[in-house]
Amino acid sequence: GSLTLSCAASGFTLDYYAIGWFRQAPGKE
């Protein structure tokens, strides 16, 4: 299947940033 995650920023502008998605499963780095 499919899923869409969103990351909303507030308090600063994302224009000059890089945004990363990270994940952590139980017992894993």
mmCIF file of all heavy atoms, coordinates in Angstrom:
data_MODEL
# 
_entry.id   MODEL 
# 
loop_
_atom_site.group_PDB 
_atom_site.id 
_atom_site.type_symbol 
_atom_site.label_atom_id 
_atom_site.label_alt_id 
_atom_site.label_comp_id 
_atom_site.label_asym_id 
_atom_site.label_entity_id 
_atom_site.label_seq_id 
_atom_site.pdbx_PDB_ins_code 
_atom_site.Cartn_x 
_atom_site.Cartn_y 
_atom_site.Cartn_z 
_atom_site.occupancy 
_atom_site.B_iso_or_equiv 
_atom_site.pdbx_formal_charge 
_atom_site.auth_seq_id 
_atom_site.auth_comp_id 
_atom_site.auth_asym_id 
_atom_site.auth_atom_id 
_atom_site.pdbx_PDB_model_num 
ATOM 1   N N   . GLY A 1 1  ? 0.811  -1.215 0.000  1.00 0.00 ? 1  GLY A N   1 
ATOM 2   C CA  . GLY A 1 1  ? 0.000  0.000  0.000  1.00 0.00 ? 1  GLY A CA  1 
ATOM 3   C C   . GLY A 1 1  ? 0.842  1.262  0.000  1.00 0.00 ? 1  GLY A C   1 
ATOM 4   O O   . GLY A 1 1  ? 2.071  1.229  -0.136 1.00 0.00 ? 1  GLY A O   1 
ATOM 5   N N   . SER A 1 2  ? 0.145  2.396  0.163  1.00 0.00 ? 2  SER A N   1 
ATOM 6   C CA  . SER A 1 2  ? 0.794  3.703  0.118  1.00 0.00 ? 2  SER A CA  1 
ATOM 7   C C   . SER A 1 2  ? 0.390  4.545  1.313  1.00 0.00 ? 2  SER A C   1 
ATOM 8   O O   . SER A 1 2  ? -0.704 4.366  1.876  1.00 0.00 ? 2  SER A O   1 
ATOM 9   C CB  . SER A 1 2  ? 0.422  4.444  -1.171 1.00 0.00 ? 2  SER A CB  1 
ATOM 10  O OG  . SER A 1 2  ? 0.870  3.748  -2.309 1.00 0.00 ? 2  SER A OG  1 
ATOM 11  N N   . LEU A 1 3  ? 1.265  5.463  1.649  1.00 0.00 ? 3  LEU A N   1 
ATOM 12  C CA  . LEU A 1 3  ? 1.023  6.374  2.761  1.00 0.00 ? 3  LEU A CA  1 
ATOM 13  C C   . LEU A 1 3  ? 1.826  7.636  2.492  1.00 0.00 ? 3  LEU A C   1 
ATOM 14  O O   . LEU A 1 3  ? 2.933  7.557  1.932  1.00 0.00 ? 3  LEU A O   1 
ATOM 15  C CB  . LEU A 1 3  ? 1.478  5.733  4.067  1.00 0.00 ? 3  LEU A CB  1 
ATOM 16  C CG  . LEU A 1 3  ? 0.898  6.230  5.393  1.00 0.00 ? 3  LEU A CG  1 
ATOM 17  C CD1 . LEU A 1 3  ? -0.600 5.969  5.453  1.00 0.00 ? 3  LEU A CD1 1 
ATOM 18  C CD2 . LEU A 1 3  ? 1.604  5.526  6.556  1.00 0.00 ? 3  LEU A CD2 1 
ATOM 19  N N   . THR A 1 4  ? 1.279  8.778  2.877  1.00 0.00 ? 4  THR A N   1 
ATOM 20  C CA  . THR A 1 4  ? 2.010  10.031 2.729  1.00 0.00 ? 4  THR A CA  1 
ATOM 21  C C   . THR A 1 4  ? 2.192  10.684 4.086  1.00 0.00 ? 4  THR A C   1 
ATOM 22  O O   . THR A 1 4  ? 1.214  10.925 4.805  1.00 0.00 ? 4  THR A O   1 
ATOM 23  C CB  . THR A 1 4  ? 1.267  11.003 1.790  1.00 0.00 ? 4  THR A CB  1 
ATOM 24  O OG1 . THR A 1 4  ? 1.126  10.412 0.500  1.00 0.00 ? 4  THR A OG1 1 
ATOM 25  C CG2 . THR A 1 4  ? 2.062  12.303 1.651  1.00 0.00 ? 4  THR A CG2 1 
ATOM 26  N N   . LEU A 1 5  ? 3.427  10.949 4.431  1.00 0.00 ? 5  LEU A N   1 
ATOM 27  C CA  . LEU A 1 5  ? 3.756  11.672 5.652  1.00 0.00 ? 5  LEU A CA  1 
ATOM 28  C C   . LEU A 1 5  ? 4.011  13.136 5.328  1.00 0.00 ? 5  LEU A C   1 
ATOM 29  O O   . LEU A 1 5  ? 4.494  13.467 4.247  1.00 0.00 ? 5  LEU A O   1 
ATOM 30  C CB  . LEU A 1 5  ? 4.999  11.070 6.312  1.00 0.00 ? 5  LEU A CB  1 
ATOM 31  C CG  . LEU A 1 5  ? 4.978  9.568  6.586  1.00 0.00 ? 5  LEU A CG  1 
ATOM 32  C CD1 . LEU A 1 5  ? 6.274  9.160  7.292  1.00 0.00 ? 5  LEU A CD1 1 
ATOM 33  C CD2 . LEU A 1 5  ? 3.779  9.177  7.401  1.00 0.00 ? 5  LEU A CD2 1 
ATOM 34  N N   . SER A 1 6  ? 3.691  13.996 6.273  1.00 0.00 ? 6  SER A N   1 
ATOM 35  C CA  . SER A 1 6  ? 3.941  15.426 6.108  1.00 0.00 ? 6  SER A CA  1 
ATOM 36  C C   . SER A 1 6  ? 4.744  15.947 7.287  1.00 0.00 ? 6  SER A C   1 
ATOM 37  O O   . SER A 1 6  ? 4.599  15.458 8.408  1.00 0.00 ? 6  SER A O   1 
ATOM 38  C CB  . SER A 1 6  ? 2.624  16.193 6.000  1.00 0.00 ? 6  SER A CB  1 
ATOM 39  O OG  . SER A 1 6  ? 1.903  15.791 4.855  1.00 0.00 ? 6  SER A OG  1 
ATOM 40  N N   . CYS A 1 7  ? 5.558  16.940 7.008  1.00 0.00 ? 7  CYS A N   1 
ATOM 41  C CA  . CYS A 1 7  ? 6.376  17.596 8.023  1.00 0.00 ? 7  CYS A CA  1 
ATOM 42  C C   . CYS A 1 7  ? 6.145  19.092 7.895  1.00 0.00 ? 7  CYS A C   1 
ATOM 43  O O   . CYS A 1 7  ? 6.589  19.703 6.909  1.00 0.00 ? 7  CYS A O   1 
ATOM 44  C CB  . CYS A 1 7  ? 7.844  17.247 7.812  1.00 0.00 ? 7  CYS A CB  1 
ATOM 45  S SG  . CYS A 1 7  ? 8.995  18.143 8.871  1.00 0.00 ? 7  CYS A SG  1 
ATOM 46  N N   . ALA A 1 8  ? 5.440  19.666 8.849  1.00 0.00 ? 8  ALA A N   1 
ATOM 47  C CA  . ALA A 1 8  ? 5.115  21.087 8.811  1.00 0.00 ? 8  ALA A CA  1 
ATOM 48  C C   . ALA A 1 8  ? 6.020  21.850 9.760  1.00 0.00 ? 8  ALA A C   1 
ATOM 49  O O   . ALA A 1 8  ? 6.169  21.468 10.929 1.00 0.00 ? 8  ALA A O   1 
ATOM 50  C CB  . ALA A 1 8  ? 3.658  21.307 9.185  1.00 0.00 ? 8  ALA A CB  1 
ATOM 51  N N   . ALA A 1 9  ? 6.626  22.913 9.249  1.00 0.00 ? 9  ALA A N   1 
ATOM 52  C CA  . ALA A 1 9  ? 7.524  23.724 10.060 1.00 0.00 ? 9  ALA A CA  1 
ATOM 53  C C   . ALA A 1 9  ? 6.834  25.005 10.509 1.00 0.00 ? 9  ALA A C   1 
ATOM 54  O O   . ALA A 1 9  ? 6.048  25.601 9.771  1.00 0.00 ? 9  ALA A O   1 
ATOM 55  C CB  . ALA A 1 9  ? 8.774  24.069 9.270  1.00 0.00 ? 9  ALA A CB  1 
ATOM 56  N N   . SER A 1 10 ? 7.147  25.411 11.717 1.00 0.00 ? 10 SER A N   1 
ATOM 57  C CA  . SER A 1 10 ? 6.672  26.694 12.220 1.00 0.00 ? 10 SER A CA  1 
ATOM 58  C C   . SER A 1 10 ? 7.791  27.362 13.007 1.00 0.00 ? 10 SER A C   1 
ATOM 59  O O   . SER A 1 10 ? 8.670  26.688 13.534 1.00 0.00 ? 10 SER A O   1 
ATOM 60  C CB  . SER A 1 10 ? 5.430  26.520 13.107 1.00 0.00 ? 10 SER A CB  1 
ATOM 61  O OG  . SER A 1 10 ? 5.727  25.705 14.211 1.00 0.00 ? 10 SER A OG  1 
ATOM 62  N N   . GLY A 1 11 ? 7.764  28.683 13.049 1.00 0.00 ? 11 GLY A N   1 
ATOM 63  C CA  . GLY A 1 11 ? 8.789  29.418 13.774 1.00 0.00 ? 11 GLY A CA  1 
ATOM 64  C C   . GLY A 1 11 ? 10.029 29.702 12.953 1.00 0.00 ? 11 GLY A C   1 
ATOM 65  O O   . GLY A 1 11 ? 10.925 30.406 13.417 1.00 0.00 ? 11 GLY A O   1 
ATOM 66  N N   . PHE A 1 12 ? 10.118 29.145 11.768 1.00 0.00 ? 12 PHE A N   1 
ATOM 67  C CA  . PHE A 1 12 ? 11.231 29.423 10.869 1.00 0.00 ? 12 PHE A CA  1 
ATOM 68  C C   . PHE A 1 12 ? 10.810 29.037 9.458  1.00 0.00 ? 12 PHE A C   1 
ATOM 69  O O   . PHE A 1 12 ? 9.848  28.295 9.254  1.00 0.00 ? 12 PHE A O   1 
ATOM 70  C CB  . PHE A 1 12 ? 12.507 28.675 11.273 1.00 0.00 ? 12 PHE A CB  1 
ATOM 71  C CG  . PHE A 1 12 ? 12.466 27.183 11.081 1.00 0.00 ? 12 PHE A CG  1 
ATOM 72  C CD1 . PHE A 1 12 ? 13.240 26.576 10.102 1.00 0.00 ? 12 PHE A CD1 1 
ATOM 73  C CD2 . PHE A 1 12 ? 11.671 26.377 11.887 1.00 0.00 ? 12 PHE A CD2 1 
ATOM 74  C CE1 . PHE A 1 12 ? 13.220 25.200 9.930  1.00 0.00 ? 12 PHE A CE1 1 
ATOM 75  C CE2 . PHE A 1 12 ? 11.634 25.009 11.725 1.00 0.00 ? 12 PHE A CE2 1 
ATOM 76  C CZ  . PHE A 1 12 ? 12.411 24.418 10.741 1.00 0.00 ? 12 PHE A CZ  1 
ATOM 77  N N   . THR A 1 13 ? 11.548 29.536 8.474  1.00 0.00 ? 13 THR A N   1 
ATOM 78  C CA  . THR A 1 13 ? 11.248 29.259 7.070  1.00 0.00 ? 13 THR A CA  1 
ATOM 79  C C   . THR A 1 13 ? 12.196 28.186 6.553  1.00 0.00 ? 13 THR A C   1 
ATOM 80  O O   . THR A 1 13 ? 13.407 28.252 6.770  1.00 0.00 ? 13 THR A O   1 
ATOM 81  C CB  . THR A 1 13 ? 11.414 30.542 6.238  1.00 0.00 ? 13 THR A CB  1 
ATOM 82  O OG1 . THR A 1 13 ? 10.558 31.565 6.767  1.00 0.00 ? 13 THR A OG1 1 
ATOM 83  C CG2 . THR A 1 13 ? 11.046 30.294 4.790  1.00 0.00 ? 13 THR A CG2 1 
ATOM 84  N N   . LEU A 1 14 ? 11.610 27.217 5.849  1.00 0.00 ? 14 LEU A N   1 
ATOM 85  C CA  . LEU A 1 14 ? 12.404 26.077 5.388  1.00 0.00 ? 14 LEU A CA  1 
ATOM 86  C C   . LEU A 1 14 ? 13.280 26.382 4.176  1.00 0.00 ? 14 LEU A C   1 
ATOM 87  O O   . LEU A 1 14 ? 14.106 25.556 3.805  1.00 0.00 ? 14 LEU A O   1 
ATOM 88  C CB  . LEU A 1 14 ? 11.475 24.917 5.034  1.00 0.00 ? 14 LEU A CB  1 
ATOM 89  C CG  . LEU A 1 14 ? 10.758 24.227 6.200  1.00 0.00 ? 14 LEU A CG  1 
ATOM 90  C CD1 . LEU A 1 14 ? 9.880  23.113 5.665  1.00 0.00 ? 14 LEU A CD1 1 
ATOM 91  C CD2 . LEU A 1 14 ? 11.752 23.688 7.206  1.00 0.00 ? 14 LEU A CD2 1 
ATOM 92  N N   . ASP A 1 15 ? 13.114 27.560 3.576  1.00 0.00 ? 15 ASP A N   1 
ATOM 93  C CA  . ASP A 1 15 ? 13.738 27.848 2.287  1.00 0.00 ? 15 ASP A CA  1 
ATOM 94  C C   . ASP A 1 15 ? 15.216 27.498 2.203  1.00 0.00 ? 15 ASP A C   1 
ATOM 95  O O   . ASP A 1 15 ? 15.687 27.028 1.175  1.00 0.00 ? 15 ASP A O   1 
ATOM 96  C CB  . ASP A 1 15 ? 13.582 29.339 1.963  1.00 0.00 ? 15 ASP A CB  1 
ATOM 97  C CG  . ASP A 1 15 ? 12.146 29.720 1.720  1.00 0.00 ? 15 ASP A CG  1 
ATOM 98  O OD1 . ASP A 1 15 ? 11.268 29.091 2.317  1.00 0.00 ? 15 ASP A OD1 1 
ATOM 99  O OD2 . ASP A 1 15 ? 11.906 30.649 0.924  1.00 0.00 ? 15 ASP A OD2 1 
ATOM 100 N N   . TYR A 1 16 ? 15.980 27.737 3.262  1.00 0.00 ? 16 TYR A N   1 
ATOM 101 C CA  . TYR A 1 16 ? 17.417 27.518 3.190  1.00 0.00 ? 16 TYR A CA  1 
ATOM 102 C C   . TYR A 1 16 ? 17.869 26.344 4.045  1.00 0.00 ? 16 TYR A C   1 
ATOM 103 O O   . TYR A 1 16 ? 19.013 26.272 4.478  1.00 0.00 ? 16 TYR A O   1 
ATOM 104 C CB  . TYR A 1 16 ? 18.156 28.805 3.562  1.00 0.00 ? 16 TYR A CB  1 
ATOM 105 C CG  . TYR A 1 16 ? 17.857 29.897 2.565  1.00 0.00 ? 16 TYR A CG  1 
ATOM 106 C CD1 . TYR A 1 16 ? 16.920 30.884 2.835  1.00 0.00 ? 16 TYR A CD1 1 
ATOM 107 C CD2 . TYR A 1 16 ? 18.473 29.890 1.314  1.00 0.00 ? 16 TYR A CD2 1 
ATOM 108 C CE1 . TYR A 1 16 ? 16.616 31.855 1.897  1.00 0.00 ? 16 TYR A CE1 1 
ATOM 109 C CE2 . TYR A 1 16 ? 18.173 30.858 0.371  1.00 0.00 ? 16 TYR A CE2 1 
ATOM 110 C CZ  . TYR A 1 16 ? 17.253 31.834 0.668  1.00 0.00 ? 16 TYR A CZ  1 
ATOM 111 O OH  . TYR A 1 16 ? 16.958 32.786 -0.272 1.00 0.00 ? 16 TYR A OH  1 
ATOM 112 N N   . TYR A 1 17 ? 16.938 25.425 4.228  1.00 0.00 ? 17 TYR A N   1 
ATOM 113 C CA  . TYR A 1 17 ? 17.248 24.216 4.975  1.00 0.00 ? 17 TYR A CA  1 
ATOM 114 C C   . TYR A 1 17 ? 17.135 23.000 4.061  1.00 0.00 ? 17 TYR A C   1 
ATOM 115 O O   . TYR A 1 17 ? 16.477 23.043 3.020  1.00 0.00 ? 17 TYR A O   1 
ATOM 116 C CB  . TYR A 1 17 ? 16.270 24.026 6.132  1.00 0.00 ? 17 TYR A CB  1 
ATOM 117 C CG  . TYR A 1 17 ? 16.504 24.923 7.317  1.00 0.00 ? 17 TYR A CG  1 
ATOM 118 C CD1 . TYR A 1 17 ? 16.110 26.262 7.294  1.00 0.00 ? 17 TYR A CD1 1 
ATOM 119 C CD2 . TYR A 1 17 ? 17.122 24.439 8.463  1.00 0.00 ? 17 TYR A CD2 1 
ATOM 120 C CE1 . TYR A 1 17 ? 16.337 27.084 8.373  1.00 0.00 ? 17 TYR A CE1 1 
ATOM 121 C CE2 . TYR A 1 17 ? 17.347 25.254 9.555  1.00 0.00 ? 17 TYR A CE2 1 
ATOM 122 C CZ  . TYR A 1 17 ? 16.944 26.573 9.509  1.00 0.00 ? 17 TYR A CZ  1 
ATOM 123 O OH  . TYR A 1 17 ? 17.169 27.391 10.590 1.00 0.00 ? 17 TYR A OH  1 
ATOM 124 N N   . ALA A 1 18 ? 17.759 21.942 4.489  1.00 0.00 ? 18 ALA A N   1 
ATOM 125 C CA  . ALA A 1 18 ? 17.469 20.617 3.944  1.00 0.00 ? 18 ALA A CA  1 
ATOM 126 C C   . ALA A 1 18 ? 16.632 19.894 4.988  1.00 0.00 ? 18 ALA A C   1 
ATOM 127 O O   . ALA A 1 18 ? 16.873 20.030 6.198  1.00 0.00 ? 18 ALA A O   1 
ATOM 128 C CB  . ALA A 1 18 ? 18.745 19.845 3.648  1.00 0.00 ? 18 ALA A CB  1 
ATOM 129 N N   . ILE A 1 19 ? 15.652 19.144 4.506  1.00 0.00 ? 19 ILE A N   1 
ATOM 130 C CA  . ILE A 1 19 ? 14.791 18.369 5.388  1.00 0.00 ? 19 ILE A CA  1 
ATOM 131 C C   . ILE A 1 19 ? 15.013 16.891 5.133  1.00 0.00 ? 19 ILE A C   1 
ATOM 132 O O   . ILE A 1 19 ? 14.965 16.429 3.988  1.00 0.00 ? 19 ILE A O   1 
ATOM 133 C CB  . ILE A 1 19 ? 13.304 18.703 5.155  1.00 0.00 ? 19 ILE A CB  1 
ATOM 134 C CG1 . ILE A 1 19 ? 13.058 20.194 5.368  1.00 0.00 ? 19 ILE A CG1 1 
ATOM 135 C CG2 . ILE A 1 19 ? 12.426 17.870 6.085  1.00 0.00 ? 19 ILE A CG2 1 
ATOM 136 C CD1 . ILE A 1 19 ? 13.375 20.676 6.779  1.00 0.00 ? 19 ILE A CD1 1 
ATOM 137 N N   . GLY A 1 20 ? 15.250 16.181 6.206  1.00 0.00 ? 20 GLY A N   1 
ATOM 138 C CA  . GLY A 1 20 ? 15.458 14.746 6.103  1.00 0.00 ? 20 GLY A CA  1 
ATOM 139 C C   . GLY A 1 20 ? 14.344 13.989 6.811  1.00 0.00 ? 20 GLY A C   1 
ATOM 140 O O   . GLY A 1 20 ? 13.779 14.466 7.792  1.00 0.00 ? 20 GLY A O   1 
ATOM 141 N N   . TRP A 1 21 ? 14.037 12.831 6.253  1.00 0.00 ? 21 TRP A N   1 
ATOM 142 C CA  . TRP A 1 21 ? 13.129 11.889 6.932  1.00 0.00 ? 21 TRP A CA  1 
ATOM 143 C C   . TRP A 1 21 ? 13.975 10.731 7.450  1.00 0.00 ? 21 TRP A C   1 
ATOM 144 O O   . TRP A 1 21 ? 14.738 10.117 6.685  1.00 0.00 ? 21 TRP A O   1 
ATOM 145 C CB  . TRP A 1 21 ? 12.065 11.372 5.979  1.00 0.00 ? 21 TRP A CB  1 
ATOM 146 C CG  . TRP A 1 21 ? 10.926 12.322 5.780  1.00 0.00 ? 21 TRP A CG  1 
ATOM 147 C CD1 . TRP A 1 21 ? 10.744 13.187 4.744  1.00 0.00 ? 21 TRP A CD1 1 
ATOM 148 C CD2 . TRP A 1 21 ? 9.805  12.497 6.648  1.00 0.00 ? 21 TRP A CD2 1 
ATOM 149 N NE1 . TRP A 1 21 ? 9.578  13.903 4.910  1.00 0.00 ? 21 TRP A NE1 1 
ATOM 150 C CE2 . TRP A 1 21 ? 8.974  13.495 6.065  1.00 0.00 ? 21 TRP A CE2 1 
ATOM 151 C CE3 . TRP A 1 21 ? 9.395  11.924 7.853  1.00 0.00 ? 21 TRP A CE3 1 
ATOM 152 C CZ2 . TRP A 1 21 ? 7.792  13.921 6.656  1.00 0.00 ? 21 TRP A CZ2 1 
ATOM 153 C CZ3 . TRP A 1 21 ? 8.211  12.350 8.430  1.00 0.00 ? 21 TRP A CZ3 1 
ATOM 154 C CH2 . TRP A 1 21 ? 7.419  13.336 7.830  1.00 0.00 ? 21 TRP A CH2 1 
ATOM 155 N N   . PHE A 1 22 ? 13.821 10.439 8.717  1.00 0.00 ? 22 PHE A N   1 
ATOM 156 C CA  . PHE A 1 22 ? 14.545 9.357  9.368  1.00 0.00 ? 22 PHE A CA  1 
ATOM 157 C C   . PHE A 1 22 ? 13.529 8.394  9.962  1.00 0.00 ? 22 PHE A C   1 
ATOM 158 O O   . PHE A 1 22 ? 12.373 8.754  10.198 1.00 0.00 ? 22 PHE A O   1 
ATOM 159 C CB  . PHE A 1 22 ? 15.450 9.918  10.473 1.00 0.00 ? 22 PHE A CB  1 
ATOM 160 C CG  . PHE A 1 22 ? 16.519 10.839 9.956  1.00 0.00 ? 22 PHE A CG  1 
ATOM 161 C CD1 . PHE A 1 22 ? 16.242 12.178 9.698  1.00 0.00 ? 22 PHE A CD1 1 
ATOM 162 C CD2 . PHE A 1 22 ? 17.797 10.374 9.705  1.00 0.00 ? 22 PHE A CD2 1 
ATOM 163 C CE1 . PHE A 1 22 ? 17.214 13.027 9.200  1.00 0.00 ? 22 PHE A CE1 1 
ATOM 164 C CE2 . PHE A 1 22 ? 18.774 11.215 9.212  1.00 0.00 ? 22 PHE A CE2 1 
ATOM 165 C CZ  . PHE A 1 22 ? 18.477 12.535 8.959  1.00 0.00 ? 22 PHE A CZ  1 
ATOM 166 N N   . ARG A 1 23 ? 13.980 7.191  10.225 1.00 0.00 ? 23 ARG A N   1 
ATOM 167 C CA  . ARG A 1 23 ? 13.076 6.234  10.848 1.00 0.00 ? 23 ARG A CA  1 
ATOM 168 C C   . ARG A 1 23 ? 13.836 5.367  11.823 1.00 0.00 ? 23 ARG A C   1 
ATOM 169 O O   . ARG A 1 23 ? 15.046 5.157  11.679 1.00 0.00 ? 23 ARG A O   1 
ATOM 170 C CB  . ARG A 1 23 ? 12.395 5.372  9.780  1.00 0.00 ? 23 ARG A CB  1 
ATOM 171 C CG  . ARG A 1 23 ? 13.338 4.525  8.944  1.00 0.00 ? 23 ARG A CG  1 
ATOM 172 C CD  . ARG A 1 23 ? 12.566 3.882  7.807  1.00 0.00 ? 23 ARG A CD  1 
ATOM 173 N NE  . ARG A 1 23 ? 13.383 2.943  7.057  1.00 0.00 ? 23 ARG A NE  1 
ATOM 174 C CZ  . ARG A 1 23 ? 12.943 2.244  6.013  1.00 0.00 ? 23 ARG A CZ  1 
ATOM 175 N NH1 . ARG A 1 23 ? 11.682 2.385  5.598  1.00 0.00 ? 23 ARG A NH1 1 
ATOM 176 N NH2 . ARG A 1 23 ? 13.750 1.404  5.372  1.00 0.00 ? 23 ARG A NH2 1 
ATOM 177 N N   . GLN A 1 24 ? 13.113 4.903  12.820 1.00 0.00 ? 24 GLN A N   1 
ATOM 178 C CA  . GLN A 1 24 ? 13.723 4.025  13.816 1.00 0.00 ? 24 GLN A CA  1 
ATOM 179 C C   . GLN A 1 24 ? 12.726 2.943  14.203 1.00 0.00 ? 24 GLN A C   1 
ATOM 180 O O   . GLN A 1 24 ? 11.636 3.237  14.702 1.00 0.00 ? 24 GLN A O   1 
ATOM 181 C CB  . GLN A 1 24 ? 14.171 4.800  15.051 1.00 0.00 ? 24 GLN A CB  1 
ATOM 182 C CG  . GLN A 1 24 ? 14.978 3.959  16.023 1.00 0.00 ? 24 GLN A CG  1 
ATOM 183 C CD  . GLN A 1 24 ? 15.745 4.795  17.023 1.00 0.00 ? 24 GLN A CD  1 
ATOM 184 O OE1 . GLN A 1 24 ? 15.407 5.950  17.279 1.00 0.00 ? 24 GLN A OE1 1 
ATOM 185 N NE2 . GLN A 1 24 ? 16.796 4.214  17.582 1.00 0.00 ? 24 GLN A NE2 1 
ATOM 186 N N   . ALA A 1 25 ? 13.119 1.711  13.933 1.00 0.00 ? 25 ALA A N   1 
ATOM 187 C CA  . ALA A 1 25 ? 12.312 0.555  14.302 1.00 0.00 ? 25 ALA A CA  1 
ATOM 188 C C   . ALA A 1 25 ? 12.747 0.076  15.684 1.00 0.00 ? 25 ALA A C   1 
ATOM 189 O O   . ALA A 1 25 ? 13.892 0.309  16.097 1.00 0.00 ? 25 ALA A O   1 
ATOM 190 C CB  . ALA A 1 25 ? 12.478 -0.547 13.266 1.00 0.00 ? 25 ALA A CB  1 
ATOM 191 N N   . PRO A 1 26 ? 11.866 -0.627 16.399 1.00 0.00 ? 26 PRO A N   1 
ATOM 192 C CA  . PRO A 1 26 ? 12.216 -1.124 17.725 1.00 0.00 ? 26 PRO A CA  1 
ATOM 193 C C   . PRO A 1 26 ? 13.471 -1.979 17.687 1.00 0.00 ? 26 PRO A C   1 
ATOM 194 O O   . PRO A 1 26 ? 13.601 -2.885 16.846 1.00 0.00 ? 26 PRO A O   1 
ATOM 195 C CB  . PRO A 1 26 ? 10.993 -1.952 18.123 1.00 0.00 ? 26 PRO A CB  1 
ATOM 196 C CG  . PRO A 1 26 ? 9.874  -1.372 17.348 1.00 0.00 ? 26 PRO A CG  1 
ATOM 197 C CD  . PRO A 1 26 ? 10.471 -0.938 16.052 1.00 0.00 ? 26 PRO A CD  1 
ATOM 198 N N   . GLY A 1 27 ? 14.414 -1.677 18.553 1.00 0.00 ? 27 GLY A N   1 
ATOM 199 C CA  . GLY A 1 27 ? 15.631 -2.457 18.636 1.00 0.00 ? 27 GLY A CA  1 
ATOM 200 C C   . GLY A 1 27 ? 16.655 -2.178 17.558 1.00 0.00 ? 27 GLY A C   1 
ATOM 201 O O   . GLY A 1 27 ? 17.694 -2.855 17.497 1.00 0.00 ? 27 GLY A O   1 
ATOM 202 N N   . LYS A 1 28 ? 16.371 -1.197 16.712 1.00 0.00 ? 28 LYS A N   1 
ATOM 203 C CA  . LYS A 1 28 ? 17.292 -0.880 15.616 1.00 0.00 ? 28 LYS A CA  1 
ATOM 204 C C   . LYS A 1 28 ? 17.773 0.555  15.721 1.00 0.00 ? 28 LYS A C   1 
ATOM 205 O O   . LYS A 1 28 ? 17.148 1.392  16.371 1.00 0.00 ? 28 LYS A O   1 
ATOM 206 C CB  . LYS A 1 28 ? 16.616 -1.109 14.266 1.00 0.00 ? 28 LYS A CB  1 
ATOM 207 C CG  . LYS A 1 28 ? 16.287 -2.565 13.979 1.00 0.00 ? 28 LYS A CG  1 
ATOM 208 C CD  . LYS A 1 28 ? 15.836 -2.750 12.535 1.00 0.00 ? 28 LYS A CD  1 
ATOM 209 C CE  . LYS A 1 28 ? 15.608 -4.204 12.227 1.00 0.00 ? 28 LYS A CE  1 
ATOM 210 N NZ  . LYS A 1 28 ? 15.200 -4.408 10.808 1.00 0.00 ? 28 LYS A NZ  1 
ATOM 211 N N   . GLU A 1 29 ? 18.882 0.829  15.061 1.00 0.00 ? 29 GLU A N   1 
ATOM 212 C CA  . GLU A 1 29 ? 19.396 2.190  15.033 1.00 0.00 ? 29 GLU A CA  1 
ATOM 213 C C   . GLU A 1 29 ? 18.566 3.054  14.090 1.00 0.00 ? 29 GLU A C   1 
ATOM 214 O O   . GLU A 1 29 ? 17.925 2.554  13.160 1.00 0.00 ? 29 GLU A O   1 
ATOM 215 C CB  . GLU A 1 29 ? 20.860 2.173  14.582 1.00 0.00 ? 29 GLU A CB  1 
ATOM 216 C CG  . GLU A 1 29 ? 21.796 1.522  15.577 1.00 0.00 ? 29 GLU A CG  1 
ATOM 217 C CD  . GLU A 1 29 ? 23.254 1.695  15.197 1.00 0.00 ? 29 GLU A CD  1 
ATOM 218 O OE1 . GLU A 1 29 ? 23.529 2.236  14.110 1.00 0.00 ? 29 GLU A OE1 1 
ATOM 219 O OE2 . GLU A 1 29 ? 24.113 1.288  15.992 1.00 0.00 ? 29 GLU A OE2 1 
# 
